[in-house]
N, C-alpha and C. Protein backbone atom coordinates (compact mmCIF):
# COMPACT_ATOMS: atom_id res chain seq x y z
N MET A 1 101.44 15.33 12.16
CA MET A 1 101.30 14.14 13.21
C MET A 1 100.45 13.71 13.54
N ASP A 2 99.25 12.76 12.82
CA ASP A 2 97.88 13.04 13.69
C ASP A 2 97.49 11.85 14.60
N ILE A 3 97.36 12.39 15.45
CA ILE A 3 97.25 11.81 16.84
C ILE A 3 95.52 11.22 17.54
N ILE A 4 95.50 10.42 18.45
CA ILE A 4 94.74 10.05 19.08
C ILE A 4 94.94 9.81 20.29
N ILE A 5 94.03 10.72 21.39
CA ILE A 5 94.55 10.89 23.35
C ILE A 5 93.16 10.21 23.34
N VAL A 6 93.58 9.18 24.18
CA VAL A 6 92.26 8.64 25.24
C VAL A 6 93.14 8.70 26.78
N ASP A 7 92.33 9.39 27.52
CA ASP A 7 92.16 9.31 28.78
C ASP A 7 91.11 9.62 29.71
N ASP A 8 91.01 9.28 30.68
CA ASP A 8 89.67 8.72 31.45
C ASP A 8 89.50 10.16 32.20
N ASP A 9 90.81 11.14 32.22
CA ASP A 9 90.57 12.28 32.99
C ASP A 9 90.36 13.65 31.98
N PHE A 10 89.62 14.26 31.95
CA PHE A 10 88.99 15.13 30.98
C PHE A 10 90.14 16.00 31.20
N PHE A 11 90.51 16.25 31.52
CA PHE A 11 91.35 17.82 32.01
C PHE A 11 93.02 17.51 31.69
N VAL A 12 92.91 16.34 31.71
CA VAL A 12 94.33 15.84 31.12
C VAL A 12 94.21 15.37 29.80
N THR A 13 93.16 15.27 29.28
CA THR A 13 93.11 15.19 27.60
C THR A 13 92.84 16.38 27.07
N THR A 14 92.21 17.68 27.79
CA THR A 14 92.41 18.61 26.90
C THR A 14 93.66 18.95 27.37
N ALA A 15 94.45 19.44 28.28
CA ALA A 15 95.93 19.57 28.31
C ALA A 15 97.05 19.56 27.43
N LEU A 16 96.91 17.72 27.25
CA LEU A 16 97.48 17.97 26.46
C LEU A 16 96.91 17.82 24.87
N LYS A 17 96.10 17.95 24.48
CA LYS A 17 95.67 18.53 22.85
C LYS A 17 96.26 19.85 22.90
N THR A 18 95.94 20.45 24.27
CA THR A 18 96.21 22.36 23.97
C THR A 18 97.84 22.27 24.12
N ILE A 19 98.61 21.18 24.68
CA ILE A 19 100.26 21.45 24.78
C ILE A 19 100.26 21.09 23.30
N LEU A 20 100.27 19.72 22.63
CA LEU A 20 100.60 19.06 21.49
C LEU A 20 100.31 19.94 20.17
N GLU A 21 99.14 20.57 20.44
CA GLU A 21 98.58 21.13 19.10
C GLU A 21 99.13 22.57 18.74
N ALA A 22 99.40 23.23 20.23
CA ALA A 22 100.17 24.52 20.67
C ALA A 22 101.86 24.45 19.71
N SER A 23 102.22 23.21 19.78
CA SER A 23 103.70 22.66 18.81
C SER A 23 103.31 23.05 17.64
N LYS A 24 102.27 23.32 16.56
CA LYS A 24 102.05 23.08 15.22
C LYS A 24 102.52 21.78 14.75
N LYS A 25 103.07 20.70 15.36
CA LYS A 25 103.72 19.52 14.98
C LYS A 25 102.66 18.49 15.03
N VAL A 26 101.51 18.75 15.64
CA VAL A 26 100.35 17.66 16.20
C VAL A 26 99.26 17.87 15.77
N THR A 27 98.41 17.09 14.99
CA THR A 27 96.79 17.19 14.54
C THR A 27 96.36 16.25 15.58
N VAL A 28 95.42 16.39 16.45
CA VAL A 28 94.74 15.78 17.59
C VAL A 28 93.24 15.29 16.81
N LEU A 29 93.11 14.05 16.09
CA LEU A 29 91.94 13.84 15.14
C LEU A 29 90.76 13.37 16.13
N ALA A 30 90.85 12.87 17.72
CA ALA A 30 89.88 12.68 18.58
C ALA A 30 90.45 12.42 19.79
N THR A 31 89.81 12.39 20.67
CA THR A 31 90.11 11.71 21.89
C THR A 31 88.84 11.31 22.55
N GLY A 32 89.46 10.42 23.71
CA GLY A 32 88.31 8.88 24.37
C GLY A 32 88.76 9.22 25.30
N THR A 33 87.76 8.38 26.11
CA THR A 33 87.93 8.23 27.48
C THR A 33 88.10 7.10 28.32
N ASP A 34 88.36 5.81 27.47
CA ASP A 34 88.31 4.39 27.90
C ASP A 34 88.69 3.64 26.59
N GLY A 35 89.21 2.40 27.10
CA GLY A 35 90.32 1.58 26.31
C GLY A 35 88.58 1.34 25.09
N GLU A 36 87.80 1.34 25.57
CA GLU A 36 86.90 0.98 24.66
C GLU A 36 86.72 2.13 23.02
N ASP A 37 86.92 3.56 23.54
CA ASP A 37 86.96 4.47 22.93
C ASP A 37 88.45 4.41 21.91
N ALA A 38 89.06 4.19 22.72
CA ALA A 38 90.79 4.16 21.83
C ALA A 38 90.43 2.82 20.47
N VAL A 39 89.97 1.89 20.46
CA VAL A 39 89.92 0.48 19.69
C VAL A 39 88.74 1.02 18.50
N SER A 40 87.80 1.80 18.92
CA SER A 40 87.20 2.30 18.07
C SER A 40 87.44 3.40 17.15
N LEU A 41 88.16 4.34 18.46
CA LEU A 41 88.62 5.65 17.36
C LEU A 41 89.61 5.13 16.50
N TYR A 42 90.74 4.39 17.01
CA TYR A 42 91.88 3.71 15.96
C TYR A 42 91.33 3.44 14.67
N ARG A 43 89.89 2.58 14.59
CA ARG A 43 89.19 1.56 13.59
C ARG A 43 88.86 3.15 12.73
N ASN A 44 88.49 3.87 13.15
CA ASN A 44 87.76 5.21 12.41
C ASN A 44 88.65 6.38 11.82
N HIS A 45 89.95 6.32 12.59
CA HIS A 45 90.98 7.27 12.39
C HIS A 45 92.09 6.87 11.82
N HIS A 46 92.52 5.50 12.21
CA HIS A 46 94.27 5.37 11.33
C HIS A 46 94.86 6.27 11.85
N PRO A 47 95.14 6.47 13.19
CA PRO A 47 95.98 7.89 13.27
C PRO A 47 97.43 7.38 13.17
N ASP A 48 98.61 8.40 13.12
CA ASP A 48 99.70 7.98 13.28
C ASP A 48 100.08 7.26 14.36
N ILE A 49 99.53 7.71 15.54
CA ILE A 49 100.10 7.75 17.00
C ILE A 49 98.97 7.65 17.57
N LEU A 50 98.58 6.73 19.00
CA LEU A 50 97.74 6.55 19.87
C LEU A 50 98.02 6.70 20.98
N LEU A 51 97.61 7.67 21.53
CA LEU A 51 98.72 8.15 22.57
C LEU A 51 97.52 7.91 23.92
N THR A 52 97.61 6.57 24.83
CA THR A 52 96.70 6.23 25.61
C THR A 52 97.18 6.23 27.23
N ASP A 53 96.03 6.47 28.20
CA ASP A 53 96.44 6.24 29.64
C ASP A 53 96.31 4.59 29.84
N ILE A 54 96.77 3.98 30.78
CA ILE A 54 96.51 2.60 31.17
C ILE A 54 95.21 2.52 32.12
N GLN A 55 95.46 2.94 32.90
CA GLN A 55 93.81 2.65 33.76
C GLN A 55 92.95 3.57 33.60
N MET A 56 91.99 2.70 33.08
CA MET A 56 90.88 3.40 32.42
C MET A 56 89.65 2.52 32.42
N LYS A 57 88.54 3.19 32.79
CA LYS A 57 87.05 1.98 33.29
C LYS A 57 86.78 1.31 31.92
N LYS A 58 85.81 0.17 32.04
CA LYS A 58 85.10 -0.59 30.93
C LYS A 58 86.72 -0.97 30.20
N LYS A 59 87.69 -0.73 29.74
CA LYS A 59 88.68 -1.58 29.24
C LYS A 59 90.01 -0.64 29.13
N SER A 60 91.15 -1.00 29.94
CA SER A 60 92.39 -0.74 30.26
C SER A 60 93.24 -0.28 28.60
N GLY A 61 93.86 0.41 29.28
CA GLY A 61 94.69 1.06 28.02
C GLY A 61 95.62 -0.49 27.23
N LEU A 62 96.49 -0.94 28.25
CA LEU A 62 96.71 -2.39 27.95
C LEU A 62 95.74 -3.37 27.06
N GLU A 63 94.37 -3.62 27.84
CA GLU A 63 93.48 -4.26 26.54
C GLU A 63 93.33 -3.78 25.70
N ALA A 64 93.39 -2.25 25.12
CA ALA A 64 92.82 -1.92 24.19
C ALA A 64 94.32 -2.05 23.05
N THR A 65 95.29 -2.16 23.88
CA THR A 65 96.51 -2.06 23.24
C THR A 65 96.85 -3.75 22.44
N GLU A 66 96.17 -4.47 23.21
CA GLU A 66 96.06 -5.76 22.75
C GLU A 66 95.39 -6.27 21.67
N GLU A 67 94.37 -5.62 21.70
CA GLU A 67 93.14 -5.74 20.96
C GLU A 67 93.96 -4.85 19.50
N ILE A 68 94.21 -3.59 19.56
CA ILE A 68 94.31 -3.03 18.31
C ILE A 68 95.64 -3.51 17.43
N LEU A 69 96.50 -4.07 18.33
CA LEU A 69 97.74 -4.84 18.06
C LEU A 69 97.38 -5.97 16.87
N SER A 70 96.42 -6.66 17.29
CA SER A 70 96.08 -7.92 16.90
C SER A 70 95.39 -8.04 15.56
N GLU A 71 94.96 -6.14 15.63
CA GLU A 71 94.26 -6.09 14.61
C GLU A 71 95.14 -5.21 13.32
N PHE A 72 95.88 -4.41 13.96
CA PHE A 72 96.53 -3.84 13.10
C PHE A 72 97.89 -3.73 13.66
N PRO A 73 99.10 -4.56 13.28
CA PRO A 73 100.04 -5.28 13.35
C PRO A 73 101.38 -4.05 13.67
N ASN A 74 100.91 -3.08 13.23
CA ASN A 74 101.93 -1.73 12.86
C ASN A 74 101.52 -0.47 13.68
N ALA A 75 100.60 -0.81 14.08
CA ALA A 75 99.65 0.09 14.98
C ALA A 75 101.08 1.19 15.74
N LYS A 76 100.99 2.31 15.61
CA LYS A 76 102.32 2.61 16.89
C LYS A 76 101.37 3.48 18.12
N ILE A 77 101.23 2.67 19.35
CA ILE A 77 100.95 3.32 20.54
C ILE A 77 101.94 3.53 21.38
N LEU A 78 101.57 4.66 22.26
CA LEU A 78 102.18 5.56 23.50
C LEU A 78 101.25 5.07 24.66
N LEU A 79 101.99 4.68 25.49
CA LEU A 79 101.37 4.36 26.87
C LEU A 79 101.60 5.56 27.69
N LEU A 80 100.60 6.01 28.70
CA LEU A 80 100.61 7.34 29.28
C LEU A 80 99.80 7.16 30.20
N THR A 81 100.92 7.07 31.65
CA THR A 81 100.24 7.02 33.06
C THR A 81 101.02 6.93 34.46
N THR A 82 100.49 7.19 35.13
CA THR A 82 100.79 7.75 36.51
C THR A 82 101.34 6.94 37.41
N PHE A 83 101.53 5.53 36.78
CA PHE A 83 102.01 4.20 37.24
C PHE A 83 103.44 3.97 36.75
N SER A 84 104.19 3.76 37.59
CA SER A 84 105.47 2.91 37.10
C SER A 84 105.29 1.60 37.81
N ASP A 85 104.77 1.21 37.14
CA ASP A 85 104.46 -0.25 38.11
C ASP A 85 104.79 -1.34 37.09
N ASP A 86 105.69 -2.24 37.79
CA ASP A 86 106.22 -3.39 36.95
C ASP A 86 105.92 -3.94 35.84
N GLU A 87 104.05 -4.55 36.89
CA GLU A 87 103.71 -5.46 35.90
C GLU A 87 103.26 -4.76 34.17
N TYR A 88 103.13 -2.91 34.95
CA TYR A 88 102.58 -2.77 33.51
C TYR A 88 103.76 -2.69 32.61
N ILE A 89 104.64 -2.27 32.79
CA ILE A 89 105.95 -1.86 32.17
C ILE A 89 106.12 -3.22 30.95
N VAL A 90 106.03 -4.80 31.97
CA VAL A 90 106.46 -5.98 31.25
C VAL A 90 105.33 -6.44 29.99
N LYS A 91 104.10 -5.85 30.63
CA LYS A 91 103.27 -6.38 29.79
C LYS A 91 103.46 -5.60 28.79
N ALA A 92 103.50 -4.05 28.63
CA ALA A 92 103.71 -3.24 27.70
C ALA A 92 104.46 -3.27 26.56
N LEU A 93 105.34 -4.02 26.93
CA LEU A 93 107.00 -4.85 26.26
C LEU A 93 106.75 -5.51 25.38
N LYS A 94 105.90 -6.66 26.09
CA LYS A 94 105.48 -7.84 25.50
C LYS A 94 104.20 -7.59 24.75
N LEU A 95 103.23 -6.34 24.69
CA LEU A 95 102.23 -6.49 23.90
C LEU A 95 103.10 -5.86 22.46
N GLY A 96 103.75 -5.34 22.91
CA GLY A 96 104.75 -4.34 21.34
C GLY A 96 104.08 -2.80 21.54
N ALA A 97 104.15 -2.23 22.75
CA ALA A 97 103.93 -0.71 22.49
C ALA A 97 105.11 -0.48 22.19
N LYS A 98 104.92 0.71 21.71
CA LYS A 98 105.96 1.47 21.30
C LYS A 98 106.68 2.53 22.22
N GLY A 99 105.94 2.68 23.32
CA GLY A 99 106.46 3.66 24.34
C GLY A 99 105.62 3.31 25.33
N TYR A 100 106.39 4.05 27.06
CA TYR A 100 105.80 3.84 28.09
C TYR A 100 106.11 5.11 28.97
N LEU A 101 105.53 6.15 29.36
CA LEU A 101 106.12 7.40 29.59
C LEU A 101 104.99 7.66 31.25
N LEU A 102 105.73 8.77 31.99
CA LEU A 102 105.21 8.78 32.84
C LEU A 102 104.55 9.79 32.65
N LYS A 103 103.15 9.98 33.24
CA LYS A 103 102.32 11.42 33.07
C LYS A 103 103.28 12.83 33.73
N GLN A 104 104.04 12.43 34.72
CA GLN A 104 104.69 13.54 35.22
C GLN A 104 105.92 14.03 34.16
N ASP A 105 106.35 13.46 33.50
CA ASP A 105 107.13 13.97 32.25
C ASP A 105 106.60 14.57 31.03
N TYR A 106 105.86 15.71 31.13
CA TYR A 106 105.16 16.13 30.27
C TYR A 106 105.95 16.58 29.25
N GLU A 107 107.33 17.46 29.45
CA GLU A 107 108.46 17.75 28.71
C GLU A 107 108.41 16.57 27.75
N SER A 108 108.58 15.49 28.12
CA SER A 108 109.41 14.31 27.13
C SER A 108 107.96 13.94 25.86
N ILE A 109 106.80 14.21 26.40
CA ILE A 109 105.99 14.05 25.79
C ILE A 109 105.67 14.12 23.76
N LEU A 110 105.70 15.19 23.45
CA LEU A 110 106.28 15.39 22.46
C LEU A 110 107.78 15.44 21.71
N PRO A 111 108.58 15.43 22.35
CA PRO A 111 109.82 14.29 21.44
C PRO A 111 109.78 12.75 21.39
N ALA A 112 108.93 12.33 22.56
CA ALA A 112 108.34 10.87 22.55
C ALA A 112 107.35 10.55 21.23
N LEU A 113 106.47 11.79 20.90
CA LEU A 113 105.79 11.43 20.10
C LEU A 113 106.74 11.09 18.56
N GLU A 114 107.74 12.16 18.83
CA GLU A 114 108.05 12.40 17.29
C GLU A 114 109.13 11.56 16.89
N ALA A 115 109.84 10.71 17.82
CA ALA A 115 110.18 9.59 18.11
C ALA A 115 109.64 8.45 17.29
N VAL A 116 108.51 8.20 17.77
CA VAL A 116 107.80 7.01 18.04
C VAL A 116 107.48 7.08 16.29
N GLY A 117 107.33 8.54 15.73
CA GLY A 117 106.54 8.44 14.52
C GLY A 117 107.60 7.98 13.80
N SER A 118 108.70 8.59 14.09
CA SER A 118 110.10 7.70 12.96
C SER A 118 110.12 6.46 13.06
N GLY A 119 109.48 5.80 14.03
CA GLY A 119 110.02 4.43 13.61
C GLY A 119 110.64 4.11 15.01
N GLN A 120 111.56 4.53 16.08
CA GLN A 120 111.82 4.30 17.33
C GLN A 120 111.26 3.62 18.39
N SER A 121 111.18 3.20 19.18
CA SER A 121 110.42 2.80 21.08
C SER A 121 110.96 3.91 21.71
N VAL A 122 110.22 4.34 22.58
CA VAL A 122 110.45 5.11 23.75
C VAL A 122 110.04 4.97 24.91
N PHE A 123 110.81 4.50 25.88
CA PHE A 123 110.36 4.56 27.22
C PHE A 123 111.09 5.41 28.33
N GLY A 124 110.50 5.88 29.35
CA GLY A 124 110.96 6.99 30.09
C GLY A 124 112.45 6.50 30.96
N THR A 125 113.06 7.39 31.11
CA THR A 125 114.23 6.85 31.59
C THR A 125 114.32 6.16 33.20
N GLU A 126 113.10 6.81 34.07
CA GLU A 126 112.99 5.91 35.09
C GLU A 126 112.34 4.32 34.86
N ILE A 127 112.05 4.37 33.71
CA ILE A 127 111.49 2.74 33.51
C ILE A 127 112.85 1.86 32.30
N VAL A 128 113.17 2.75 31.61
CA VAL A 128 114.43 2.26 31.13
C VAL A 128 115.43 1.45 32.07
N SER A 129 115.56 1.90 32.89
CA SER A 129 116.68 1.49 34.06
C SER A 129 116.21 -0.06 34.94
N LYS A 130 114.59 -0.24 34.32
CA LYS A 130 114.02 -1.25 35.47
C LYS A 130 114.30 -2.71 34.05
N ILE A 131 113.97 -2.03 33.06
CA ILE A 131 113.92 -3.15 31.92
C ILE A 131 114.62 -4.42 31.98
N PRO A 132 116.00 -4.34 32.26
CA PRO A 132 116.85 -5.33 32.27
C PRO A 132 116.33 -6.47 33.27
N GLU A 133 116.46 -5.41 34.41
CA GLU A 133 115.95 -6.39 35.98
C GLU A 133 114.46 -7.19 35.77
N LEU A 134 113.85 -6.37 35.24
CA LEU A 134 112.60 -7.05 34.87
C LEU A 134 112.39 -8.38 33.98
N LEU A 135 112.68 -8.15 32.94
CA LEU A 135 112.83 -9.00 31.69
C LEU A 135 113.86 -10.34 31.66
N GLN A 136 114.74 -10.36 32.81
CA GLN A 136 115.64 -11.34 32.97
C GLN A 136 115.14 -12.85 33.43
N SER A 137 115.38 -13.82 32.80
CA SER A 137 115.34 -15.02 33.44
C SER A 137 116.79 -15.87 33.44
N SER A 138 116.27 -16.64 34.17
CA SER A 138 117.63 -17.43 34.53
C SER A 138 118.05 -18.59 33.54
N SER A 139 116.66 -18.81 32.84
CA SER A 139 117.14 -19.74 32.14
C SER A 139 117.86 -19.49 30.97
N SER A 140 118.61 -20.39 30.34
CA SER A 140 119.31 -19.70 28.87
C SER A 140 118.85 -20.44 27.53
N PHE A 141 118.75 -19.90 26.64
CA PHE A 141 117.94 -20.23 25.01
C PHE A 141 118.97 -20.49 24.12
N ASP A 142 118.90 -21.59 23.54
CA ASP A 142 119.76 -21.95 22.74
C ASP A 142 119.84 -21.19 21.01
N TYR A 143 120.25 -19.97 20.94
CA TYR A 143 119.87 -19.17 19.58
C TYR A 143 120.11 -19.88 18.51
N SER A 144 120.97 -21.22 18.19
CA SER A 144 121.60 -21.62 17.75
C SER A 144 120.48 -22.81 16.82
N ALA A 145 119.59 -23.11 17.75
CA ALA A 145 118.38 -24.24 17.28
C ALA A 145 117.20 -23.50 16.50
N TYR A 146 116.98 -21.79 16.31
CA TYR A 146 116.53 -20.97 15.56
C TYR A 146 117.54 -20.37 14.49
N GLY A 147 118.71 -21.44 13.85
CA GLY A 147 119.24 -20.70 13.12
C GLY A 147 120.14 -19.56 12.80
N ILE A 148 120.03 -18.67 14.52
CA ILE A 148 120.49 -17.33 14.90
C ILE A 148 122.20 -17.57 14.94
N SER A 149 122.89 -17.04 13.86
CA SER A 149 124.26 -16.84 14.28
C SER A 149 124.79 -16.03 15.33
N GLU A 150 126.52 -15.95 15.15
CA GLU A 150 127.19 -15.32 16.33
C GLU A 150 127.10 -14.06 16.10
N LYS A 151 127.31 -13.36 14.79
CA LYS A 151 127.16 -12.04 14.55
C LYS A 151 125.65 -11.59 14.81
N GLU A 152 124.58 -12.47 14.33
CA GLU A 152 122.86 -12.01 14.80
C GLU A 152 122.71 -11.70 16.24
N ILE A 153 123.76 -13.01 17.22
CA ILE A 153 123.44 -12.93 18.49
C ILE A 153 123.88 -11.53 19.19
N GLY A 154 124.98 -10.78 18.47
CA GLY A 154 125.58 -9.73 18.72
C GLY A 154 125.24 -8.89 18.50
N ILE A 155 124.38 -8.46 17.15
CA ILE A 155 123.37 -7.61 16.86
C ILE A 155 121.75 -7.33 17.90
N ILE A 156 121.38 -8.59 17.99
CA ILE A 156 120.60 -8.74 18.99
C ILE A 156 120.73 -8.04 20.43
N GLN A 157 122.14 -8.09 20.74
CA GLN A 157 122.69 -7.65 21.98
C GLN A 157 122.92 -5.94 22.04
N PHE A 158 123.29 -5.59 21.10
CA PHE A 158 123.16 -4.04 20.71
C PHE A 158 121.78 -4.13 20.44
N VAL A 159 120.89 -3.94 19.90
CA VAL A 159 119.66 -3.57 20.07
C VAL A 159 119.03 -3.67 21.39
N ALA A 160 119.34 -4.48 22.05
CA ALA A 160 118.76 -4.69 23.73
C ALA A 160 119.34 -3.59 24.38
N ASP A 161 120.76 -3.12 23.82
CA ASP A 161 121.12 -2.13 24.81
C ASP A 161 120.63 -0.79 24.30
N GLY A 162 119.67 -0.64 22.94
CA GLY A 162 119.17 0.42 22.54
C GLY A 162 120.04 1.16 21.61
N TYR A 163 121.20 0.79 20.96
CA TYR A 163 121.63 0.96 19.85
C TYR A 163 120.97 1.32 18.49
N SER A 164 121.12 1.87 17.72
CA SER A 164 120.59 2.53 16.57
C SER A 164 121.26 1.67 15.18
N ASN A 165 120.33 1.34 14.03
CA ASN A 165 121.32 0.65 13.21
C ASN A 165 122.34 1.24 12.41
N LYS A 166 122.44 2.89 12.75
CA LYS A 166 123.80 3.29 12.38
C LYS A 166 124.92 3.16 13.56
N GLU A 167 124.11 3.28 14.51
CA GLU A 167 125.59 2.96 15.61
C GLU A 167 126.06 1.37 15.62
N ILE A 168 125.12 0.48 15.32
CA ILE A 168 125.37 -1.36 14.85
C ILE A 168 126.33 -0.87 13.71
N ALA A 169 125.74 -0.23 13.03
CA ALA A 169 126.34 -0.41 11.90
C ALA A 169 128.17 -0.30 11.77
N SER A 170 127.97 0.97 12.72
CA SER A 170 129.98 1.79 12.67
C SER A 170 130.56 0.51 13.63
N LYS A 171 129.72 0.15 14.77
CA LYS A 171 130.64 -0.79 15.53
C LYS A 171 131.02 -2.06 14.98
N LEU A 172 130.34 -2.35 13.78
CA LEU A 172 130.55 -3.90 13.64
C LEU A 172 130.99 -3.67 11.88
N PHE A 173 131.00 -2.29 11.45
CA PHE A 173 131.93 -2.11 10.29
C PHE A 173 131.16 -2.60 9.14
N LEU A 174 129.70 -1.99 9.43
CA LEU A 174 128.63 -2.83 8.38
C LEU A 174 127.85 -1.55 8.18
N SER A 175 127.07 -1.78 6.68
CA SER A 175 126.53 -0.76 6.44
C SER A 175 124.96 -0.74 6.92
N GLU A 176 124.33 0.11 7.12
CA GLU A 176 123.03 0.59 7.95
C GLU A 176 122.44 -0.15 6.93
N GLY A 177 122.17 -0.58 5.59
CA GLY A 177 121.48 -1.27 5.05
C GLY A 177 121.72 -3.02 5.49
N THR A 178 122.62 -2.87 5.24
CA THR A 178 123.26 -4.77 5.87
C THR A 178 122.47 -4.99 7.37
N VAL A 179 122.75 -4.05 8.10
CA VAL A 179 122.28 -4.19 9.45
C VAL A 179 120.67 -4.57 9.70
N ARG A 180 120.34 -3.55 8.64
CA ARG A 180 118.79 -3.37 8.87
C ARG A 180 118.19 -4.97 7.95
N ASN A 181 119.02 -5.27 6.86
CA ASN A 181 118.74 -7.08 6.77
C ASN A 181 119.05 -8.07 7.32
N TYR A 182 120.18 -7.58 8.51
CA TYR A 182 119.96 -8.76 9.38
C TYR A 182 118.73 -8.64 10.34
N LEU A 183 118.60 -7.45 10.75
CA LEU A 183 117.51 -7.34 11.83
C LEU A 183 116.07 -8.11 11.04
N SER A 184 115.71 -7.64 9.99
CA SER A 184 114.64 -8.22 9.42
C SER A 184 114.91 -10.38 9.47
N THR A 185 116.13 -10.81 9.18
CA THR A 185 116.41 -11.62 9.35
C THR A 185 115.82 -12.30 9.97
N ILE A 186 116.87 -11.79 11.52
CA ILE A 186 116.40 -12.15 12.63
C ILE A 186 114.70 -12.35 13.39
N LEU A 187 114.56 -11.03 13.08
CA LEU A 187 113.08 -10.99 13.51
C LEU A 187 112.11 -12.09 12.87
N GLU A 188 112.41 -12.46 11.49
CA GLU A 188 111.86 -13.51 10.73
C GLU A 188 112.24 -14.89 11.64
N LYS A 189 113.01 -15.28 11.68
CA LYS A 189 113.74 -16.74 12.36
C LYS A 189 113.10 -16.68 13.87
N LEU A 190 112.72 -16.03 14.76
CA LEU A 190 112.35 -15.92 15.88
C LEU A 190 110.73 -15.40 15.86
N GLU A 191 110.26 -15.04 14.74
CA GLU A 191 109.02 -14.38 14.51
C GLU A 191 108.39 -13.55 15.56
N LEU A 192 109.01 -12.59 15.51
CA LEU A 192 108.90 -11.46 16.21
C LEU A 192 108.45 -10.02 15.40
N ARG A 193 107.99 -8.98 15.73
CA ARG A 193 107.74 -7.88 15.39
C ARG A 193 108.53 -6.73 14.97
N ASP A 194 108.90 -6.68 15.94
CA ASP A 194 110.23 -5.39 16.08
C ASP A 194 110.88 -5.44 16.63
N ARG A 195 111.69 -3.96 16.81
CA ARG A 195 113.18 -3.89 17.87
C ARG A 195 112.54 -3.89 19.33
N THR A 196 111.42 -3.45 19.51
CA THR A 196 111.05 -3.67 21.08
C THR A 196 110.92 -5.27 21.28
N GLN A 197 109.83 -5.43 21.05
CA GLN A 197 110.04 -7.40 20.87
C GLN A 197 110.96 -8.04 21.16
N LEU A 198 111.99 -7.50 20.32
CA LEU A 198 113.61 -8.63 19.82
C LEU A 198 113.92 -8.20 21.64
N ALA A 199 114.36 -7.00 21.68
CA ALA A 199 114.94 -6.53 22.84
C ALA A 199 114.32 -7.27 24.28
N VAL A 200 112.48 -7.56 24.52
CA VAL A 200 112.05 -8.34 25.23
C VAL A 200 112.36 -9.72 25.23
N PHE A 201 112.55 -10.18 24.17
CA PHE A 201 112.78 -11.50 24.24
C PHE A 201 114.32 -12.15 24.52
N TYR A 202 115.39 -11.01 23.80
CA TYR A 202 116.68 -11.52 24.17
C TYR A 202 117.12 -11.02 25.94
N TYR A 203 116.01 -10.01 26.86
CA TYR A 203 116.38 -10.50 28.08
C TYR A 203 115.35 -11.27 28.72
N GLN A 204 114.36 -11.84 28.34
CA GLN A 204 113.87 -13.08 28.87
C GLN A 204 114.75 -14.25 28.84
N HIS A 205 115.89 -14.18 27.89
CA HIS A 205 116.15 -15.80 27.53
C HIS A 205 117.54 -15.41 27.77
N ARG A 206 117.86 -14.49 28.52
CA ARG A 206 119.70 -14.19 28.71
C ARG A 206 119.94 -15.22 29.82
């Protein structure tokens, strides 16, 4: 797995590079110190995953995430920070980041990278517990106006609750392929990019 690490703390970058490359599962293509580096390095190297801090000088990790995803919609970006700040969590989710982890949770970083590399979204335990509360909206939403069926609403709810395609298929007595097709249709109808944005959308419109 090829990654780029961006953090304004040289010691953090060095430690992460050493730890991750020692696993023999990760190759660090390059490192940077701010959001501008994140954008330019991503353009130059097209890594499997960008691992970036949030609060940095010149350009933040969130600003870099927004710029990169506008240019490379399929980019996989994992945000790493010491701040479990509600505003950051919400913005990271809305932008389409694949994960948000606290630096203190070092042991979870490699498993998180592997999960993101396989197409999953990963958020630290402390952060996951906050998501429904942060994203809830008092307004009701008419899914039928978007042509979303009751079954599709059920699938959206399962996605928002963190179920995998396999788990959803088991609960609804469908094949995984059928669930994938349903998800593709739902994302197209709602003009969303991926499962993370779908979960955000669901909690915002409950």
